[in-house]
């Protein structure tokens, strides 16, 4: 009996260590054809939320450091909440560290991934669909070197220190 109990306890710990706990509510990645996010190609993401949800929104921007020629890149982000609110803001994300003269992000060869904050601690008054529109606001129609965008929503943690 002790051997069976021991085996069950070991099995439980082995299985629980393989299971990755995440507070991720939504995640969707868009890969751009020819590594080019065209000017009027707005990206739309939708998912369900409730008044119990408090979320941190971010995006992972993947770019080719040899083809992407923008040290700053403008993106408008508009949130359409289930409570009929519209929250829109222009962002100008910085992709280049002028002090170190290096591209920002996690670099893998010629590819860089950078996590960009959108909103921390977003809550909702009603249950329903949250719609997020990412609009490329660069003045050029073609924007080579942009490989993909990934939108992520995770549950907000009050005790976590957040930058910016």
C-alpha atoms as a PDB file:
ATOM      1  CA  UNK A   1       0.000   0.000   0.000  1.00  0.00           C
ATOM      2  CA  UNK A   2       2.861   2.386   0.830  1.00  0.00           C
ATOM      3  CA  UNK A   3       4.425   1.678  -2.569  1.00  0.00           C
ATOM      4  CA  UNK A   4       1.180   2.540  -4.368  1.00  0.00           C
ATOM      5  CA  UNK A   5       0.763   5.744  -2.360  1.00  0.00           C
ATOM      6  CA  UNK A   6       4.404   6.672  -3.013  1.00  0.00           C
ATOM      7  CA  UNK A   7       3.934   5.994  -6.748  1.00  0.00           C
ATOM      8  CA  UNK A   8       0.766   8.149  -6.845  1.00  0.00           C
ATOM      9  CA  UNK A   9       2.497  11.038  -5.060  1.00  0.00           C
ATOM     10  CA  UNK A  10       5.511  10.879  -7.407  1.00  0.00           C
ATOM     11  CA  UNK A  11       3.197  10.668 -10.435  1.00  0.00           C
ATOM     12  CA  UNK A  12       1.229  13.693  -9.236  1.00  0.00           C
ATOM     13  CA  UNK A  13       4.369  15.816  -8.855  1.00  0.00           C
ATOM     14  CA  UNK A  14       5.728  14.667 -12.212  1.00  0.00           C
ATOM     15  CA  UNK A  15       2.486  15.547 -13.991  1.00  0.00           C
ATOM     16  CA  UNK A  16       2.086  18.882 -12.222  1.00  0.00           C
ATOM     17  CA  UNK A  17       5.631  19.921 -13.135  1.00  0.00           C
ATOM     18  CA  UNK A  18       4.833  19.251 -16.816  1.00  0.00           C
ATOM     19  CA  UNK A  19       1.734  21.444 -16.690  1.00  0.00           C
ATOM     20  CA  UNK A  20       2.556  25.079 -17.260  1.00  0.00           C
ATOM     21  CA  UNK A  21       0.341  27.477 -15.314  1.00  0.00           C
ATOM     22  CA  UNK A  22      -0.502  30.613 -17.219  1.00  0.00           C
ATOM     23  CA  UNK A  23      -2.813  33.533 -16.701  1.00  0.00           C
ATOM     24  CA  UNK A  24      -3.053  34.073 -20.436  1.00  0.00           C
ATOM     25  CA  UNK A  25      -6.576  34.965 -21.537  1.00  0.00           C
ATOM     26  CA  UNK A  26      -5.939  35.601 -25.233  1.00  0.00           C
ATOM     27  CA  UNK A  27      -3.068  35.228 -27.676  1.00  0.00           C
ATOM     28  CA  UNK A  28      -3.118  35.588 -31.451  1.00  0.00           C
ATOM     29  CA  UNK A  29      -0.277  36.060 -33.912  1.00  0.00           C
ATOM     30  CA  UNK A  30      -0.445  37.618 -37.380  1.00  0.00           C
ATOM     31  CA  UNK A  31       2.436  36.835 -39.756  1.00  0.00           C
ATOM     32  CA  UNK A  32       2.808  39.349 -42.585  1.00  0.00           C
ATOM     33  CA  UNK A  33       3.210  38.224 -46.172  1.00  0.00           C
ATOM     34  CA  UNK A  34       6.636  39.224 -47.510  1.00  0.00           C
ATOM     35  CA  UNK A  35       7.543  40.654 -44.062  1.00  0.00           C
ATOM     36  CA  UNK A  36       5.629  43.843 -44.837  1.00  0.00           C
ATOM     37  CA  UNK A  37       2.905  45.421 -42.681  1.00  0.00           C
ATOM     38  CA  UNK A  38       1.234  47.665 -45.223  1.00  0.00           C
ATOM     39  CA  UNK A  39      -0.024  51.079 -44.104  1.00  0.00           C
ATOM     40  CA  UNK A  40      -3.793  50.464 -44.347  1.00  0.00           C
ATOM     41  CA  UNK A  41      -3.741  46.801 -43.296  1.00  0.00           C
ATOM     42  CA  UNK A  42      -5.361  47.219 -39.861  1.00  0.00           C
ATOM     43  CA  UNK A  43      -5.130  44.196 -37.581  1.00  0.00           C
ATOM     44  CA  UNK A  44      -8.310  43.334 -35.652  1.00  0.00           C
ATOM     45  CA  UNK A  45      -8.409  41.065 -32.588  1.00  0.00           C
ATOM     46  CA  UNK A  46     -11.575  40.067 -30.710  1.00  0.00           C
ATOM     47  CA  UNK A  47     -12.210  37.998 -27.604  1.00  0.00           C
ATOM     48  CA  UNK A  48     -14.722  37.664 -24.776  1.00  0.00           C
ATOM     49  CA  UNK A  49     -14.300  39.477 -21.450  1.00  0.00           C
ATOM     50  CA  UNK A  50     -16.324  39.782 -18.223  1.00  0.00           C
ATOM     51  CA  UNK A  51     -16.524  42.399 -15.437  1.00  0.00           C
ATOM     52  CA  UNK A  52     -14.403  40.021 -13.325  1.00  0.00           C
ATOM     53  CA  UNK A  53     -11.516  40.362 -15.811  1.00  0.00           C
ATOM     54  CA  UNK A  54      -8.702  42.828 -15.247  1.00  0.00           C
ATOM     55  CA  UNK A  55      -6.158  42.469 -18.030  1.00  0.00           C
ATOM     56  CA  UNK A  56      -2.706  43.565 -19.130  1.00  0.00           C
ATOM     57  CA  UNK A  57      -2.504  43.977 -22.901  1.00  0.00           C
ATOM     58  CA  UNK A  58       0.742  43.780 -24.846  1.00  0.00           C
ATOM     59  CA  UNK A  59       2.012  42.876 -28.267  1.00  0.00           C
ATOM     60  CA  UNK A  60       5.094  41.070 -29.446  1.00  0.00           C
ATOM     61  CA  UNK A  61       6.514  42.851 -32.487  1.00  0.00           C
ATOM     62  CA  UNK A  62       8.893  40.689 -34.530  1.00  0.00           C
ATOM     63  CA  UNK A  63      11.113  42.421 -37.062  1.00  0.00           C
ATOM     64  CA  UNK A  64      14.147  41.863 -39.278  1.00  0.00           C
ATOM     65  CA  UNK A  65      16.908  44.219 -38.078  1.00  0.00           C
ATOM     66  CA  UNK A  66      18.435  44.380 -41.559  1.00  0.00           C
ATOM     67  CA  UNK A  67      15.186  45.266 -43.381  1.00  0.00           C
ATOM     68  CA  UNK A  68      13.350  47.306 -40.735  1.00  0.00           C
ATOM     69  CA  UNK A  69      14.606  50.892 -41.074  1.00  0.00           C
ATOM     70  CA  UNK A  70      12.582  52.660 -38.374  1.00  0.00           C
ATOM     71  CA  UNK A  71      14.048  53.580 -35.021  1.00  0.00           C
ATOM     72  CA  UNK A  72      10.551  54.729 -33.989  1.00  0.00           C
ATOM     73  CA  UNK A  73       7.304  53.328 -35.337  1.00  0.00           C
ATOM     74  CA  UNK A  74       3.797  54.841 -34.914  1.00  0.00           C
ATOM     75  CA  UNK A  75       0.829  52.580 -34.152  1.00  0.00           C
ATOM     76  CA  UNK A  76      -2.700  53.622 -33.219  1.00  0.00           C
ATOM     77  CA  UNK A  77      -4.453  51.223 -30.861  1.00  0.00           C
ATOM     78  CA  UNK A  78      -8.221  51.421 -30.459  1.00  0.00           C
ATOM     79  CA  UNK A  79     -10.187  49.381 -27.929  1.00  0.00           C
ATOM     80  CA  UNK A  80     -13.921  48.851 -28.387  1.00  0.00           C
ATOM     81  CA  UNK A  81     -15.240  47.568 -25.049  1.00  0.00           C
ATOM     82  CA  UNK A  82     -18.455  45.637 -24.371  1.00  0.00           C
ATOM     83  CA  UNK A  83     -19.668  48.708 -22.425  1.00  0.00           C
ATOM     84  CA  UNK A  84     -19.713  50.706 -25.696  1.00  0.00           C
ATOM     85  CA  UNK A  85     -16.594  52.666 -24.766  1.00  0.00           C
ATOM     86  CA  UNK A  86     -14.028  53.515 -27.420  1.00  0.00           C
ATOM     87  CA  UNK A  87     -10.491  54.084 -26.167  1.00  0.00           C
ATOM     88  CA  UNK A  88      -7.997  55.154 -28.800  1.00  0.00           C
ATOM     89  CA  UNK A  89      -4.395  56.260 -28.476  1.00  0.00           C
ATOM     90  CA  UNK A  90      -1.460  56.904 -30.771  1.00  0.00           C
ATOM     91  CA  UNK A  91       1.756  55.198 -29.679  1.00  0.00           C
ATOM     92  CA  UNK A  92       5.244  55.824 -30.992  1.00  0.00           C
ATOM     93  CA  UNK A  93       7.256  52.776 -30.032  1.00  0.00           C
ATOM     94  CA  UNK A  94      11.032  53.047 -29.862  1.00  0.00           C
ATOM     95  CA  UNK A  95      12.924  50.127 -31.407  1.00  0.00           C
ATOM     96  CA  UNK A  96      16.443  51.492 -31.118  1.00  0.00           C
ATOM     97  CA  UNK A  97      18.631  52.251 -28.096  1.00  0.00           C
ATOM     98  CA  UNK A  98      20.537  55.395 -29.043  1.00  0.00           C
ATOM     99  CA  UNK A  99      22.966  55.096 -26.106  1.00  0.00           C
ATOM    100  CA  UNK A 100      24.157  51.580 -26.911  1.00  0.00           C
ATOM    101  CA  UNK A 101      23.498  51.981 -30.656  1.00  0.00           C
ATOM    102  CA  UNK A 102      21.697  48.628 -30.734  1.00  0.00           C
ATOM    103  CA  UNK A 103      18.267  47.445 -31.749  1.00  0.00           C
ATOM    104  CA  UNK A 104      15.944  46.683 -28.836  1.00  0.00           C
ATOM    105  CA  UNK A 105      14.412  43.323 -28.126  1.00  0.00           C
ATOM    106  CA  UNK A 106      15.458  39.720 -27.927  1.00  0.00           C
ATOM    107  CA  UNK A 107      17.838  39.266 -30.869  1.00  0.00           C
ATOM    108  CA  UNK A 108      18.133  35.933 -32.724  1.00  0.00           C
ATOM    109  CA  UNK A 109      20.428  36.407 -35.733  1.00  0.00           C
ATOM    110  CA  UNK A 110      18.777  39.061 -37.895  1.00  0.00           C
ATOM    111  CA  UNK A 111      15.417  38.734 -36.125  1.00  0.00           C
ATOM    112  CA  UNK A 112      14.357  40.733 -33.064  1.00  0.00           C
ATOM    113  CA  UNK A 113      11.319  40.232 -30.832  1.00  0.00           C
ATOM    114  CA  UNK A 114      10.236  43.107 -28.643  1.00  0.00           C
ATOM    115  CA  UNK A 115       7.411  43.062 -26.095  1.00  0.00           C
ATOM    116  CA  UNK A 116       5.450  46.331 -26.232  1.00  0.00           C
ATOM    117  CA  UNK A 117       3.013  47.320 -23.497  1.00  0.00           C
ATOM    118  CA  UNK A 118      -0.408  48.509 -24.571  1.00  0.00           C
ATOM    119  CA  UNK A 119      -2.403  48.804 -21.357  1.00  0.00           C
ATOM    120  CA  UNK A 120      -2.072  47.612 -17.746  1.00  0.00           C
ATOM    121  CA  UNK A 121      -5.003  46.826 -15.460  1.00  0.00           C
ATOM    122  CA  UNK A 122      -7.802  47.182 -18.009  1.00  0.00           C
ATOM    123  CA  UNK A 123     -11.200  46.350 -16.496  1.00  0.00           C
ATOM    124  CA  UNK A 124     -14.682  46.117 -17.973  1.00  0.00           C
ATOM    125  CA  UNK A 125     -18.165  47.250 -16.894  1.00  0.00           C
ATOM    126  CA  UNK A 126     -20.032  44.618 -18.953  1.00  0.00           C
ATOM    127  CA  UNK A 127     -19.460  41.135 -20.307  1.00  0.00           C
ATOM    128  CA  UNK A 128     -19.058  40.770 -24.039  1.00  0.00           C
ATOM    129  CA  UNK A 129     -16.603  41.073 -26.872  1.00  0.00           C
ATOM    130  CA  UNK A 130     -13.494  43.264 -26.626  1.00  0.00           C
ATOM    131  CA  UNK A 131     -12.321  44.428 -30.046  1.00  0.00           C
ATOM    132  CA  UNK A 132      -8.761  45.717 -30.469  1.00  0.00           C
ATOM    133  CA  UNK A 133      -7.635  47.388 -33.691  1.00  0.00           C
ATOM    134  CA  UNK A 134      -3.925  47.928 -34.388  1.00  0.00           C
ATOM    135  CA  UNK A 135      -3.379  50.530 -37.085  1.00  0.00           C
ATOM    136  CA  UNK A 136      -0.038  51.114 -38.767  1.00  0.00           C
ATOM    137  CA  UNK A 137       0.287  54.925 -38.758  1.00  0.00           C
ATOM    138  CA  UNK A 138       3.574  55.141 -40.642  1.00  0.00           C
ATOM    139  CA  UNK A 139       3.434  57.551 -43.568  1.00  0.00           C
ATOM    140  CA  UNK A 140       4.817  54.963 -46.012  1.00  0.00           C
ATOM    141  CA  UNK A 141       2.535  52.370 -47.589  1.00  0.00           C
ATOM    142  CA  UNK A 142       5.209  49.646 -47.584  1.00  0.00           C
ATOM    143  CA  UNK A 143       6.985  48.864 -44.312  1.00  0.00           C
ATOM    144  CA  UNK A 144       9.469  46.065 -45.008  1.00  0.00           C
ATOM    145  CA  UNK A 145      11.049  44.061 -42.244  1.00  0.00           C
ATOM    146  CA  UNK A 146       7.958  43.633 -40.054  1.00  0.00           C
ATOM    147  CA  UNK A 147       7.637  39.883 -39.694  1.00  0.00           C
ATOM    148  CA  UNK A 148       4.703  39.534 -37.293  1.00  0.00           C
ATOM    149  CA  UNK A 149       2.541  41.001 -34.531  1.00  0.00           C
ATOM    150  CA  UNK A 150       1.195  38.991 -31.635  1.00  0.00           C
ATOM    151  CA  UNK A 151      -1.449  40.366 -29.297  1.00  0.00           C
ATOM    152  CA  UNK A 152      -1.492  39.002 -25.748  1.00  0.00           C
ATOM    153  CA  UNK A 153      -3.914  39.530 -22.878  1.00  0.00           C
ATOM    154  CA  UNK A 154      -2.978  38.217 -19.420  1.00  0.00           C
ATOM    155  CA  UNK A 155      -4.662  38.561 -16.062  1.00  0.00           C
ATOM    156  CA  UNK A 156      -3.489  41.650 -14.193  1.00  0.00           C
ATOM    157  CA  UNK A 157      -1.487  41.073 -11.001  1.00  0.00           C
ATOM    158  CA  UNK A 158      -1.662  43.929  -8.488  1.00  0.00           C
ATOM    159  CA  UNK A 159       1.630  43.094  -6.759  1.00  0.00           C
ATOM    160  CA  UNK A 160       3.694  42.972  -9.954  1.00  0.00           C
ATOM    161  CA  UNK A 161       5.954  45.916 -10.703  1.00  0.00           C
ATOM    162  CA  UNK A 162       5.255  47.273 -14.165  1.00  0.00           C
ATOM    163  CA  UNK A 163       7.610  49.371 -16.233  1.00  0.00           C
ATOM    164  CA  UNK A 164       6.223  52.500 -17.853  1.00  0.00           C
END
